[in-house]
Amino acid sequence: MDNTSEHTYNNKYIIGVIVSNVSGVLSRVSGMFTRRGFNIDSLTVGETESAGFSRITVAFHGDEDIRDRILRQLEKLHDVREVEVLDQSETVVRELLLLKVRNSSATRQDIMAAVEIFRSKIIDYSATALVCELTGETSKIDAFIELMKSYGILEMCRTGIVAIERGENCLKTR
């Protein structure tokens, strides 16, 4: 068994997977990673433009051999319709962050300035806390989180990445 958690890999891969929208398919896809000891960095699932299909976006680190083994194993799974490695230079990648930060009169202006610089939005405001919404690439999300740590992050959640190829290239659902 190959256990990627014991190794450090520099190559990050993003795979788009089109699956039938049926019970258990997500469990089978994530279970394939688990059974082989592959770590998932990010996993998102949502409906597609075609009824009856869902799109799974999986990000992971590994070498080309690991990537190829993952592709072969995913293609064997029942209800998987298409699997494709997304070329990151030809792909739009985004992530959503909701972050609750401590609010005080002493820090409010600095937080507001950071929100503006990062093109974030304040979606909830109270005397003691602000909730910020930020969409962007993972590096932008990470930088915003790092900056907000000094103000006191109370709570946060992030979606994981979603990715779609630029131009007319598409994962097929039919």
N, C-alpha and C. Protein backbone atom coordinates (compact mmCIF):
# COMPACT_ATOMS: atom_id res chain seq x y z
N MET A 1 0.85 -1.19 0.00
CA MET A 1 0.00 0.00 0.00
C MET A 1 0.89 1.24 0.00
N ASP A 2 0.53 2.21 -0.81
CA ASP A 2 1.28 3.47 -0.89
C ASP A 2 0.63 4.47 0.04
N ASN A 3 1.40 5.03 0.93
CA ASN A 3 0.84 6.00 1.87
C ASN A 3 1.47 7.36 1.62
N THR A 4 0.75 8.24 0.94
CA THR A 4 1.29 9.54 0.58
C THR A 4 1.44 10.45 1.78
N SER A 5 0.81 10.15 2.90
CA SER A 5 0.93 11.01 4.07
C SER A 5 2.33 10.93 4.67
N GLU A 6 3.11 9.88 4.32
CA GLU A 6 4.47 9.75 4.84
C GLU A 6 5.48 10.48 3.96
N HIS A 7 5.05 11.01 2.83
CA HIS A 7 5.94 11.65 1.87
C HIS A 7 5.48 13.08 1.63
N THR A 8 6.42 13.91 1.16
CA THR A 8 6.08 15.26 0.76
C THR A 8 6.21 15.34 -0.75
N TYR A 9 5.14 15.75 -1.42
CA TYR A 9 5.14 15.88 -2.87
C TYR A 9 4.91 17.33 -3.23
N ASN A 10 5.66 17.81 -4.22
CA ASN A 10 5.52 19.19 -4.65
C ASN A 10 4.44 19.37 -5.71
N ASN A 11 4.09 18.31 -6.42
CA ASN A 11 3.12 18.42 -7.50
C ASN A 11 1.70 18.39 -6.96
N LYS A 12 0.94 19.45 -7.26
CA LYS A 12 -0.46 19.49 -6.87
C LYS A 12 -1.29 19.22 -8.12
N TYR A 13 -2.24 18.33 -7.99
CA TYR A 13 -3.12 17.98 -9.10
C TYR A 13 -4.56 18.30 -8.74
N ILE A 14 -5.30 18.71 -9.75
CA ILE A 14 -6.74 18.93 -9.62
C ILE A 14 -7.41 18.03 -10.65
N ILE A 15 -8.33 17.22 -10.17
CA ILE A 15 -9.04 16.30 -11.05
C ILE A 15 -10.52 16.66 -11.05
N GLY A 16 -11.10 16.74 -12.24
CA GLY A 16 -12.54 16.89 -12.38
C GLY A 16 -13.14 15.53 -12.67
N VAL A 17 -14.20 15.19 -11.96
CA VAL A 17 -14.84 13.88 -12.11
C VAL A 17 -16.34 14.11 -12.31
N ILE A 18 -16.88 13.58 -13.39
CA ILE A 18 -18.33 13.62 -13.61
C ILE A 18 -18.88 12.26 -13.19
N VAL A 19 -19.88 12.29 -12.32
CA VAL A 19 -20.47 11.06 -11.80
C VAL A 19 -21.99 11.11 -11.92
N SER A 20 -22.60 9.94 -11.95
CA SER A 20 -24.06 9.88 -11.85
C SER A 20 -24.45 10.35 -10.47
N ASN A 21 -25.51 11.12 -10.39
CA ASN A 21 -25.97 11.65 -9.11
C ASN A 21 -26.83 10.60 -8.41
N VAL A 22 -26.14 9.62 -7.81
CA VAL A 22 -26.82 8.53 -7.12
C VAL A 22 -26.22 8.35 -5.73
N SER A 23 -26.98 7.74 -4.88
CA SER A 23 -26.54 7.49 -3.51
C SER A 23 -25.29 6.62 -3.50
N GLY A 24 -24.31 7.01 -2.69
CA GLY A 24 -23.11 6.21 -2.48
C GLY A 24 -21.94 6.53 -3.39
N VAL A 25 -22.15 7.34 -4.44
CA VAL A 25 -21.06 7.58 -5.38
C VAL A 25 -19.93 8.38 -4.73
N LEU A 26 -20.25 9.36 -3.90
CA LEU A 26 -19.20 10.13 -3.22
C LEU A 26 -18.40 9.23 -2.28
N SER A 27 -19.09 8.34 -1.60
CA SER A 27 -18.42 7.40 -0.71
C SER A 27 -17.45 6.50 -1.48
N ARG A 28 -17.87 6.05 -2.66
CA ARG A 28 -16.99 5.20 -3.47
C ARG A 28 -15.75 5.97 -3.95
N VAL A 29 -15.95 7.22 -4.37
CA VAL A 29 -14.82 8.02 -4.85
C VAL A 29 -13.85 8.31 -3.70
N SER A 30 -14.36 8.81 -2.59
CA SER A 30 -13.47 9.13 -1.46
C SER A 30 -12.87 7.86 -0.87
N GLY A 31 -13.63 6.77 -0.87
CA GLY A 31 -13.13 5.50 -0.37
C GLY A 31 -11.97 4.96 -1.18
N MET A 32 -11.97 5.23 -2.49
CA MET A 32 -10.87 4.80 -3.34
C MET A 32 -9.57 5.46 -2.88
N PHE A 33 -9.63 6.74 -2.52
CA PHE A 33 -8.45 7.44 -2.01
C PHE A 33 -8.03 6.83 -0.67
N THR A 34 -8.99 6.61 0.21
CA THR A 34 -8.70 6.08 1.54
C THR A 34 -8.06 4.70 1.48
N ARG A 35 -8.64 3.80 0.69
CA ARG A 35 -8.13 2.43 0.60
C ARG A 35 -6.69 2.38 0.12
N ARG A 36 -6.29 3.33 -0.70
CA ARG A 36 -4.94 3.33 -1.24
C ARG A 36 -3.99 4.25 -0.48
N GLY A 37 -4.47 4.87 0.59
CA GLY A 37 -3.62 5.71 1.42
C GLY A 37 -3.30 7.06 0.81
N PHE A 38 -4.11 7.52 -0.14
CA PHE A 38 -3.90 8.82 -0.77
C PHE A 38 -4.64 9.88 0.03
N ASN A 39 -3.99 11.00 0.28
CA ASN A 39 -4.61 12.08 1.04
C ASN A 39 -5.27 13.07 0.09
N ILE A 40 -6.49 13.47 0.40
CA ILE A 40 -7.21 14.48 -0.37
C ILE A 40 -6.98 15.83 0.29
N ASP A 41 -6.49 16.81 -0.48
CA ASP A 41 -6.31 18.17 0.03
C ASP A 41 -7.63 18.94 0.03
N SER A 42 -8.44 18.73 -0.99
CA SER A 42 -9.70 19.45 -1.13
C SER A 42 -10.66 18.59 -1.94
N LEU A 43 -11.93 18.60 -1.55
CA LEU A 43 -12.95 17.85 -2.26
C LEU A 43 -14.24 18.66 -2.24
N THR A 44 -14.77 18.93 -3.41
CA THR A 44 -16.06 19.62 -3.51
C THR A 44 -16.95 18.85 -4.46
N VAL A 45 -18.25 18.93 -4.22
CA VAL A 45 -19.23 18.22 -5.04
C VAL A 45 -20.41 19.14 -5.28
N GLY A 46 -20.93 19.12 -6.49
CA GLY A 46 -22.12 19.91 -6.79
C GLY A 46 -22.79 19.42 -8.05
N GLU A 47 -24.00 19.91 -8.26
CA GLU A 47 -24.74 19.51 -9.45
C GLU A 47 -24.12 20.14 -10.69
N THR A 48 -24.44 19.60 -11.84
CA THR A 48 -23.93 20.11 -13.11
C THR A 48 -25.08 20.72 -13.91
N GLU A 49 -24.75 21.12 -15.13
CA GLU A 49 -25.76 21.67 -16.03
C GLU A 49 -26.71 20.59 -16.55
N SER A 50 -26.37 19.33 -16.36
CA SER A 50 -27.19 18.21 -16.83
C SER A 50 -27.80 17.47 -15.65
N ALA A 51 -29.12 17.33 -15.69
CA ALA A 51 -29.82 16.61 -14.62
C ALA A 51 -29.27 15.19 -14.50
N GLY A 52 -29.14 14.73 -13.28
CA GLY A 52 -28.69 13.36 -13.05
C GLY A 52 -27.19 13.19 -12.90
N PHE A 53 -26.44 14.30 -13.02
CA PHE A 53 -24.99 14.21 -12.90
C PHE A 53 -24.47 15.21 -11.88
N SER A 54 -23.39 14.84 -11.22
CA SER A 54 -22.70 15.73 -10.29
C SER A 54 -21.25 15.84 -10.73
N ARG A 55 -20.63 16.93 -10.30
CA ARG A 55 -19.21 17.15 -10.59
C ARG A 55 -18.46 17.14 -9.27
N ILE A 56 -17.42 16.33 -9.21
CA ILE A 56 -16.54 16.26 -8.05
C ILE A 56 -15.20 16.87 -8.46
N THR A 57 -14.71 17.79 -7.66
CA THR A 57 -13.38 18.36 -7.88
C THR A 57 -12.50 17.91 -6.72
N VAL A 58 -11.41 17.23 -7.05
CA VAL A 58 -10.50 16.69 -6.04
C VAL A 58 -9.12 17.29 -6.27
N ALA A 59 -8.52 17.81 -5.21
CA ALA A 59 -7.14 18.30 -5.27
C ALA A 59 -6.29 17.43 -4.34
N PHE A 60 -5.10 17.09 -4.80
CA PHE A 60 -4.19 16.26 -4.00
C PHE A 60 -2.76 16.52 -4.46
N HIS A 61 -1.81 16.14 -3.63
CA HIS A 61 -0.39 16.21 -3.96
C HIS A 61 0.12 14.81 -4.24
N GLY A 62 1.02 14.70 -5.19
CA GLY A 62 1.62 13.41 -5.51
C GLY A 62 2.57 13.55 -6.68
N ASP A 63 3.09 12.41 -7.11
CA ASP A 63 3.92 12.42 -8.31
C ASP A 63 3.07 11.92 -9.48
N GLU A 64 3.68 11.84 -10.66
CA GLU A 64 2.91 11.43 -11.84
C GLU A 64 2.39 10.01 -11.72
N ASP A 65 3.16 9.14 -11.09
CA ASP A 65 2.73 7.76 -10.91
C ASP A 65 1.47 7.69 -10.04
N ILE A 66 1.46 8.42 -8.95
CA ILE A 66 0.28 8.46 -8.08
C ILE A 66 -0.90 9.03 -8.84
N ARG A 67 -0.68 10.14 -9.56
CA ARG A 67 -1.75 10.75 -10.34
C ARG A 67 -2.35 9.74 -11.32
N ASP A 68 -1.49 9.03 -12.05
CA ASP A 68 -1.97 8.08 -13.05
C ASP A 68 -2.72 6.92 -12.41
N ARG A 69 -2.24 6.44 -11.26
CA ARG A 69 -2.95 5.36 -10.56
C ARG A 69 -4.33 5.83 -10.09
N ILE A 70 -4.41 7.06 -9.59
CA ILE A 70 -5.70 7.59 -9.15
C ILE A 70 -6.66 7.67 -10.34
N LEU A 71 -6.18 8.17 -11.46
CA LEU A 71 -7.03 8.26 -12.65
C LEU A 71 -7.55 6.89 -13.07
N ARG A 72 -6.66 5.91 -13.14
CA ARG A 72 -7.08 4.55 -13.54
C ARG A 72 -8.11 3.98 -12.58
N GLN A 73 -7.89 4.16 -11.28
CA GLN A 73 -8.82 3.62 -10.29
C GLN A 73 -10.17 4.32 -10.35
N LEU A 74 -10.17 5.64 -10.52
CA LEU A 74 -11.44 6.37 -10.63
C LEU A 74 -12.22 5.93 -11.86
N GLU A 75 -11.53 5.74 -12.97
CA GLU A 75 -12.20 5.33 -14.21
C GLU A 75 -12.87 3.97 -14.08
N LYS A 76 -12.40 3.12 -13.17
CA LYS A 76 -12.98 1.80 -12.96
C LYS A 76 -14.26 1.83 -12.13
N LEU A 77 -14.48 2.92 -11.40
CA LEU A 77 -15.61 2.97 -10.47
C LEU A 77 -16.94 3.07 -11.21
N HIS A 78 -17.91 2.32 -10.70
CA HIS A 78 -19.27 2.37 -11.22
C HIS A 78 -19.81 3.78 -11.02
N ASP A 79 -20.54 4.30 -11.97
CA ASP A 79 -21.18 5.62 -11.95
C ASP A 79 -20.22 6.77 -12.22
N VAL A 80 -18.94 6.51 -12.45
CA VAL A 80 -18.02 7.57 -12.88
C VAL A 80 -18.10 7.64 -14.40
N ARG A 81 -18.46 8.82 -14.91
CA ARG A 81 -18.65 9.01 -16.35
C ARG A 81 -17.41 9.57 -17.04
N GLU A 82 -16.71 10.48 -16.37
CA GLU A 82 -15.51 11.08 -16.96
C GLU A 82 -14.58 11.52 -15.85
N VAL A 83 -13.28 11.38 -16.12
CA VAL A 83 -12.24 11.81 -15.19
C VAL A 83 -11.20 12.57 -16.01
N GLU A 84 -10.79 13.73 -15.52
CA GLU A 84 -9.80 14.51 -16.25
C GLU A 84 -8.92 15.28 -15.28
N VAL A 85 -7.61 15.26 -15.53
CA VAL A 85 -6.69 16.12 -14.81
C VAL A 85 -6.81 17.50 -15.43
N LEU A 86 -7.06 18.50 -14.60
CA LEU A 86 -7.22 19.86 -15.09
C LEU A 86 -5.87 20.55 -15.10
N ASP A 87 -5.48 21.06 -16.25
CA ASP A 87 -4.23 21.81 -16.39
C ASP A 87 -4.41 23.14 -15.68
N GLN A 88 -3.67 23.35 -14.60
CA GLN A 88 -3.90 24.54 -13.77
C GLN A 88 -3.63 25.84 -14.50
N SER A 89 -2.80 25.82 -15.53
CA SER A 89 -2.57 27.05 -16.30
C SER A 89 -3.73 27.35 -17.23
N GLU A 90 -4.60 26.37 -17.46
CA GLU A 90 -5.75 26.54 -18.35
C GLU A 90 -7.07 26.39 -17.59
N THR A 91 -7.04 26.61 -16.29
CA THR A 91 -8.20 26.36 -15.45
C THR A 91 -8.44 27.54 -14.51
N VAL A 92 -9.70 27.91 -14.35
CA VAL A 92 -10.09 28.90 -13.35
C VAL A 92 -10.36 28.14 -12.06
N VAL A 93 -9.65 28.51 -11.00
CA VAL A 93 -9.77 27.83 -9.71
C VAL A 93 -10.19 28.86 -8.67
N ARG A 94 -11.23 28.56 -7.89
CA ARG A 94 -11.71 29.47 -6.86
C ARG A 94 -12.09 28.68 -5.61
N GLU A 95 -12.11 29.42 -4.51
CA GLU A 95 -12.50 28.89 -3.22
C GLU A 95 -13.26 29.98 -2.48
N LEU A 96 -14.19 29.60 -1.63
CA LEU A 96 -14.97 30.55 -0.85
C LEU A 96 -14.59 30.41 0.62
N LEU A 97 -14.43 31.56 1.29
CA LEU A 97 -14.12 31.60 2.72
C LEU A 97 -15.16 32.45 3.42
N LEU A 98 -15.68 31.95 4.52
CA LEU A 98 -16.45 32.75 5.48
C LEU A 98 -15.61 32.79 6.75
N LEU A 99 -15.32 34.00 7.22
CA LEU A 99 -14.42 34.16 8.36
C LEU A 99 -15.02 35.16 9.33
N LYS A 100 -15.15 34.74 10.59
CA LYS A 100 -15.64 35.62 11.65
C LYS A 100 -14.45 36.10 12.45
N VAL A 101 -14.31 37.42 12.55
CA VAL A 101 -13.16 38.01 13.23
C VAL A 101 -13.65 38.93 14.34
N ARG A 102 -12.88 38.99 15.40
CA ARG A 102 -13.21 39.85 16.53
C ARG A 102 -13.27 41.31 16.06
N ASN A 103 -14.29 42.04 16.48
CA ASN A 103 -14.49 43.44 16.10
C ASN A 103 -14.37 44.32 17.34
N SER A 104 -13.55 45.34 17.25
CA SER A 104 -13.46 46.32 18.33
C SER A 104 -13.19 47.68 17.71
N SER A 105 -13.45 48.72 18.45
CA SER A 105 -13.20 50.06 17.92
C SER A 105 -11.71 50.27 17.63
N ALA A 106 -10.85 49.57 18.34
CA ALA A 106 -9.40 49.72 18.15
C ALA A 106 -8.91 49.10 16.84
N THR A 107 -9.59 48.06 16.36
CA THR A 107 -9.11 47.34 15.17
C THR A 107 -10.02 47.48 13.96
N ARG A 108 -11.19 48.02 14.14
CA ARG A 108 -12.21 48.07 13.08
C ARG A 108 -11.69 48.68 11.78
N GLN A 109 -11.01 49.82 11.84
CA GLN A 109 -10.54 50.48 10.62
C GLN A 109 -9.48 49.64 9.89
N ASP A 110 -8.61 49.01 10.65
CA ASP A 110 -7.59 48.15 10.02
C ASP A 110 -8.24 46.94 9.34
N ILE A 111 -9.22 46.36 10.00
CA ILE A 111 -9.93 45.22 9.40
C ILE A 111 -10.65 45.66 8.14
N MET A 112 -11.33 46.79 8.20
CA MET A 112 -12.05 47.31 7.02
C MET A 112 -11.08 47.57 5.86
N ALA A 113 -9.89 48.08 6.16
CA ALA A 113 -8.89 48.33 5.12
C ALA A 113 -8.45 47.01 4.48
N ALA A 114 -8.22 45.99 5.31
CA ALA A 114 -7.82 44.68 4.79
C ALA A 114 -8.93 44.08 3.93
N VAL A 115 -10.17 44.21 4.39
CA VAL A 115 -11.31 43.71 3.62
C VAL A 115 -11.34 44.37 2.24
N GLU A 116 -11.10 45.66 2.19
CA GLU A 116 -11.11 46.38 0.92
C GLU A 116 -9.94 45.95 0.02
N ILE A 117 -8.76 45.84 0.59
CA ILE A 117 -7.58 45.45 -0.20
C ILE A 117 -7.77 44.07 -0.82
N PHE A 118 -8.35 43.15 -0.07
CA PHE A 118 -8.54 41.78 -0.56
C PHE A 118 -9.82 41.63 -1.39
N ARG A 119 -10.58 42.70 -1.53
CA ARG A 119 -11.87 42.68 -2.23
C ARG A 119 -12.82 41.67 -1.60
N SER A 120 -12.78 41.64 -0.30
CA SER A 120 -13.68 40.82 0.49
C SER A 120 -14.96 41.61 0.73
N LYS A 121 -15.95 40.99 1.36
CA LYS A 121 -17.18 41.67 1.73
C LYS A 121 -17.47 41.39 3.19
N ILE A 122 -18.02 42.36 3.88
CA ILE A 122 -18.53 42.13 5.23
C ILE A 122 -20.00 41.79 5.06
N ILE A 123 -20.37 40.58 5.48
CA ILE A 123 -21.75 40.13 5.27
C ILE A 123 -22.54 40.07 6.57
N ASP A 124 -21.87 40.26 7.70
CA ASP A 124 -22.57 40.35 8.98
C ASP A 124 -21.71 41.20 9.91
N TYR A 125 -22.38 42.04 10.68
CA TYR A 125 -21.67 43.01 11.52
C TYR A 125 -22.34 43.07 12.88
N SER A 126 -21.55 42.99 13.93
CA SER A 126 -22.05 43.25 15.27
C SER A 126 -20.99 44.05 16.01
N ALA A 127 -21.29 44.47 17.21
CA ALA A 127 -20.33 45.25 17.99
C ALA A 127 -19.08 44.45 18.34
N THR A 128 -19.20 43.12 18.34
CA THR A 128 -18.07 42.30 18.77
C THR A 128 -17.48 41.41 17.68
N ALA A 129 -18.14 41.31 16.53
CA ALA A 129 -17.64 40.41 15.49
C ALA A 129 -18.08 40.87 14.10
N LEU A 130 -17.22 40.58 13.12
CA LEU A 130 -17.53 40.80 11.71
C LEU A 130 -17.43 39.47 10.99
N VAL A 131 -18.33 39.21 10.05
CA VAL A 131 -18.21 38.04 9.20
C VAL A 131 -17.84 38.53 7.80
N CYS A 132 -16.72 38.03 7.31
CA CYS A 132 -16.22 38.41 6.00
C CYS A 132 -16.41 37.25 5.03
N GLU A 133 -16.72 37.59 3.79
CA GLU A 133 -16.82 36.62 2.71
C GLU A 133 -15.73 36.96 1.69
N LEU A 134 -14.99 35.94 1.28
CA LEU A 134 -13.92 36.15 0.31
C LEU A 134 -13.91 34.99 -0.67
N THR A 135 -13.83 35.32 -1.94
CA THR A 135 -13.70 34.33 -3.00
C THR A 135 -12.40 34.59 -3.73
N GLY A 136 -11.66 33.54 -4.03
CA GLY A 136 -10.42 33.72 -4.79
C GLY A 136 -9.62 32.44 -4.85
N GLU A 137 -8.42 32.57 -5.35
CA GLU A 137 -7.51 31.44 -5.40
C GLU A 137 -7.06 31.09 -3.98
N THR A 138 -6.64 29.86 -3.81
CA THR A 138 -6.25 29.37 -2.49
C THR A 138 -5.19 30.25 -1.84
N SER A 139 -4.23 30.73 -2.61
CA SER A 139 -3.17 31.57 -2.04
C SER A 139 -3.73 32.88 -1.49
N LYS A 140 -4.73 33.43 -2.14
CA LYS A 140 -5.37 34.66 -1.65
C LYS A 140 -6.13 34.39 -0.35
N ILE A 141 -6.85 33.28 -0.31
CA ILE A 141 -7.59 32.88 0.89
C ILE A 141 -6.61 32.69 2.05
N ASP A 142 -5.52 31.97 1.79
CA ASP A 142 -4.51 31.73 2.83
C ASP A 142 -3.92 33.03 3.36
N ALA A 143 -3.62 33.96 2.46
CA ALA A 143 -3.03 35.25 2.86
C ALA A 143 -4.00 36.05 3.72
N PHE A 144 -5.28 36.04 3.37
CA PHE A 144 -6.29 36.77 4.14
C PHE A 144 -6.42 36.17 5.54
N ILE A 145 -6.46 34.86 5.62
CA ILE A 145 -6.54 34.18 6.92
C ILE A 145 -5.34 34.56 7.78
N GLU A 146 -4.16 34.51 7.20
CA GLU A 146 -2.94 34.84 7.94
C GLU A 146 -3.01 36.27 8.49
N LEU A 147 -3.48 37.21 7.68
CA LEU A 147 -3.60 38.60 8.11
C LEU A 147 -4.63 38.75 9.24
N MET A 148 -5.74 38.05 9.13
CA MET A 148 -6.82 38.17 10.12
C MET A 148 -6.47 37.53 11.46
N LYS A 149 -5.50 36.63 11.49
CA LYS A 149 -5.11 35.99 12.75
C LYS A 149 -4.73 37.01 13.81
N SER A 150 -4.10 38.09 13.41
CA SER A 150 -3.66 39.09 14.40
C SER A 150 -4.84 39.85 15.02
N TYR A 151 -6.01 39.81 14.39
CA TYR A 151 -7.19 40.49 14.93
C TYR A 151 -8.07 39.55 15.76
N GLY A 152 -7.81 38.26 15.68
CA GLY A 152 -8.56 37.29 16.46
C GLY A 152 -9.67 36.62 15.66
N ILE A 153 -9.32 35.56 14.96
CA ILE A 153 -10.32 34.79 14.22
C ILE A 153 -11.15 34.02 15.23
N LEU A 154 -12.46 34.21 15.18
CA LEU A 154 -13.38 33.51 16.07
C LEU A 154 -13.84 32.19 15.47
N GLU A 155 -14.01 32.20 14.14
CA GLU A 155 -14.52 31.02 13.47
C GLU A 155 -14.31 31.20 11.97
N MET A 156 -14.11 30.11 11.27
CA MET A 156 -14.02 30.20 9.82
C MET A 156 -14.39 28.88 9.18
N CYS A 157 -14.83 28.96 7.94
CA CYS A 157 -15.05 27.76 7.14
C CYS A 157 -14.75 28.12 5.69
N ARG A 158 -14.22 27.13 4.98
CA ARG A 158 -13.90 27.34 3.57
C ARG A 158 -14.39 26.15 2.77
N THR A 159 -14.73 26.41 1.52
CA THR A 159 -15.40 25.40 0.72
C THR A 159 -14.49 24.32 0.16
N GLY A 160 -13.24 24.62 -0.02
CA GLY A 160 -12.42 23.78 -0.88
C GLY A 160 -12.54 24.33 -2.28
N ILE A 161 -11.69 23.87 -3.17
CA ILE A 161 -11.65 24.49 -4.49
C ILE A 161 -12.74 23.97 -5.41
N VAL A 162 -13.16 24.84 -6.31
CA VAL A 162 -13.94 24.46 -7.48
C VAL A 162 -13.11 24.91 -8.67
N ALA A 163 -13.19 24.17 -9.76
CA ALA A 163 -12.34 24.48 -10.91
C ALA A 163 -13.08 24.16 -12.19
N ILE A 164 -12.85 25.01 -13.19
CA ILE A 164 -13.45 24.80 -14.51
C ILE A 164 -12.44 25.26 -15.56
N GLU A 165 -12.35 24.50 -16.64
CA GLU A 165 -11.38 24.83 -17.68
C GLU A 165 -11.78 26.11 -18.41
N ARG A 166 -10.78 26.84 -18.85
CA ARG A 166 -11.01 28.05 -19.65
C ARG A 166 -11.43 27.64 -21.07
N GLY A 167 -12.07 28.57 -21.77
CA GLY A 167 -12.43 28.32 -23.16
C GLY A 167 -13.56 27.31 -23.30
N GLU A 168 -13.56 26.60 -24.42
CA GLU A 168 -14.66 25.69 -24.73
C GLU A 168 -14.44 24.27 -24.23
N ASN A 169 -13.29 23.96 -23.66
CA ASN A 169 -13.06 22.61 -23.12
C ASN A 169 -14.01 22.37 -21.97
N CYS A 170 -14.65 21.20 -21.97
CA CYS A 170 -15.64 20.87 -20.93
C CYS A 170 -15.54 19.41 -20.54
N LEU A 171 -15.83 19.13 -19.29
CA LEU A 171 -16.06 17.75 -18.87
C LEU A 171 -17.46 17.40 -19.35
N LYS A 172 -17.60 16.30 -20.01
CA LYS A 172 -18.89 15.93 -20.61
C LYS A 172 -19.76 15.18 -19.60
N THR A 173 -21.04 15.53 -19.60
CA THR A 173 -21.99 14.87 -18.70
C THR A 173 -22.91 13.93 -19.45
N ARG A 174 -22.72 13.82 -20.71
CA ARG A 174 -23.61 12.95 -21.51
C ARG A 174 -22.87 11.74 -22.01
